[in-house]
Amino acid sequence: MSLLKSLSKEQKEAIKNIESPMLVTGGAGCGKTFTLVNKVVYLIKDEKVKPENILVLTHADKDARVIKD
């Protein structure tokens, strides 16, 4: 996935970890939503996971709109 080239080490690890549930934490503007969205893309495109088998939770309305779209 070419997107992985532009990510930090921590973002790459979060996106490529498919063995267990994960919690993404960090301060404002650090890329949490970006990482979650791209993990979903990675799961669907590279790992062939069906979208209906993916659950993403967020507590912020803005983040929920980004993930939904």
C-alpha atoms as a PDB file:
ATOM      1  CA  MET A   1       0.000   0.000   0.000  1.00  0.00           C
ATOM      2  CA  SER A   2       1.728   3.197  -1.160  1.00  0.00           C
ATOM      3  CA  LEU A   3      -0.028   5.258   1.515  1.00  0.00           C
ATOM      4  CA  LEU A   4       2.070   3.561   4.184  1.00  0.00           C
ATOM      5  CA  LYS A   5       5.204   5.303   2.882  1.00  0.00           C
ATOM      6  CA  SER A   6       3.992   8.695   4.119  1.00  0.00           C
ATOM      7  CA  LEU A   7       3.045   7.551   7.632  1.00  0.00           C
ATOM      8  CA  SER A   8       4.926   7.583  10.914  1.00  0.00           C
ATOM      9  CA  LYS A   9       6.207   4.315  12.382  1.00  0.00           C
ATOM     10  CA  GLU A  10       3.396   4.331  14.959  1.00  0.00           C
ATOM     11  CA  GLN A  11       0.706   4.924  12.315  1.00  0.00           C
ATOM     12  CA  LYS A  12       2.076   2.084  10.173  1.00  0.00           C
ATOM     13  CA  GLU A  13       2.055  -0.265  13.165  1.00  0.00           C
ATOM     14  CA  ALA A  14      -1.538   0.692  14.035  1.00  0.00           C
ATOM     15  CA  ILE A  15      -2.739   0.216  10.468  1.00  0.00           C
ATOM     16  CA  LYS A  16      -0.995  -3.107   9.869  1.00  0.00           C
ATOM     17  CA  ASN A  17      -1.924  -4.681  13.235  1.00  0.00           C
ATOM     18  CA  ILE A  18      -4.739  -7.098  12.423  1.00  0.00           C
ATOM     19  CA  GLU A  19      -4.207  -9.616  15.218  1.00  0.00           C
ATOM     20  CA  SER A  20      -6.126  -7.818  17.959  1.00  0.00           C
ATOM     21  CA  PRO A  21      -8.439  -4.896  18.699  1.00  0.00           C
ATOM     22  CA  MET A  22      -6.666  -1.567  19.040  1.00  0.00           C
ATOM     23  CA  LEU A  23      -7.084   1.755  20.747  1.00  0.00           C
ATOM     24  CA  VAL A  24      -5.686   4.858  19.043  1.00  0.00           C
ATOM     25  CA  THR A  25      -4.926   7.712  21.426  1.00  0.00           C
ATOM     26  CA  GLY A  26      -3.142  11.035  21.071  1.00  0.00           C
ATOM     27  CA  GLY A  27      -3.500  14.771  21.201  1.00  0.00           C
ATOM     28  CA  ALA A  28      -5.515  16.980  18.888  1.00  0.00           C
ATOM     29  CA  GLY A  29      -4.272  17.017  15.319  1.00  0.00           C
ATOM     30  CA  CYS A  30      -1.881  14.080  15.650  1.00  0.00           C
ATOM     31  CA  GLY A  31      -3.593  11.901  13.017  1.00  0.00           C
ATOM     32  CA  LYS A  32      -5.885   9.586  14.992  1.00  0.00           C
ATOM     33  CA  THR A  33      -8.834   9.842  12.600  1.00  0.00           C
ATOM     34  CA  PHE A  34      -6.514   9.672   9.587  1.00  0.00           C
ATOM     35  CA  THR A  35      -4.993   6.481  10.994  1.00  0.00           C
ATOM     36  CA  LEU A  36      -8.386   4.892  11.699  1.00  0.00           C
ATOM     37  CA  VAL A  37      -9.745   5.723   8.248  1.00  0.00           C
ATOM     38  CA  ASN A  38      -6.657   4.349   6.551  1.00  0.00           C
ATOM     39  CA  LYS A  39      -6.739   1.216   8.687  1.00  0.00           C
ATOM     40  CA  VAL A  40     -10.241   0.539   7.365  1.00  0.00           C
ATOM     41  CA  VAL A  41      -9.006   1.090   3.794  1.00  0.00           C
ATOM     42  CA  TYR A  42      -6.077  -1.269   4.455  1.00  0.00           C
ATOM     43  CA  LEU A  43      -8.367  -3.944   5.926  1.00  0.00           C
ATOM     44  CA  ILE A  44     -10.740  -3.807   2.969  1.00  0.00           C
ATOM     45  CA  LYS A  45      -8.236  -3.482   0.111  1.00  0.00           C
ATOM     46  CA  ASP A  46      -5.210  -5.414   1.341  1.00  0.00           C
ATOM     47  CA  GLU A  47      -6.610  -7.870   3.875  1.00  0.00           C
ATOM     48  CA  LYS A  48      -9.906  -8.458   2.003  1.00  0.00           C
ATOM     49  CA  VAL A  49     -12.028  -7.901   5.112  1.00  0.00           C
ATOM     50  CA  LYS A  50     -15.693  -7.300   4.352  1.00  0.00           C
ATOM     51  CA  PRO A  51     -16.820  -3.809   5.432  1.00  0.00           C
ATOM     52  CA  GLU A  52     -19.722  -5.262   7.426  1.00  0.00           C
ATOM     53  CA  ASN A  53     -17.166  -7.057   9.614  1.00  0.00           C
ATOM     54  CA  ILE A  54     -15.384  -3.863  10.671  1.00  0.00           C
ATOM     55  CA  LEU A  55     -16.376  -1.795  13.721  1.00  0.00           C
ATOM     56  CA  VAL A  56     -14.874   1.662  14.258  1.00  0.00           C
ATOM     57  CA  LEU A  57     -15.896   3.734  17.268  1.00  0.00           C
ATOM     58  CA  THR A  58     -15.157   7.388  17.946  1.00  0.00           C
ATOM     59  CA  HIS A  59     -16.411   9.810  20.545  1.00  0.00           C
ATOM     60  CA  ALA A  60     -16.242  12.992  18.484  1.00  0.00           C
ATOM     61  CA  ASP A  61     -19.019  14.039  16.076  1.00  0.00           C
ATOM     62  CA  LYS A  62     -16.501  15.474  13.599  1.00  0.00           C
ATOM     63  CA  ASP A  63     -14.550  12.200  13.544  1.00  0.00           C
ATOM     64  CA  ALA A  64     -17.718  10.180  13.075  1.00  0.00           C
ATOM     65  CA  ARG A  65     -18.659  12.260  10.029  1.00  0.00           C
ATOM     66  CA  VAL A  66     -15.197  11.746   8.491  1.00  0.00           C
ATOM     67  CA  ILE A  67     -15.359   7.987   9.042  1.00  0.00           C
ATOM     68  CA  LYS A  68     -18.920   7.760   7.725  1.00  0.00           C
ATOM     69  CA  ASP A  69     -18.074   9.618   4.520  1.00  0.00           C
END
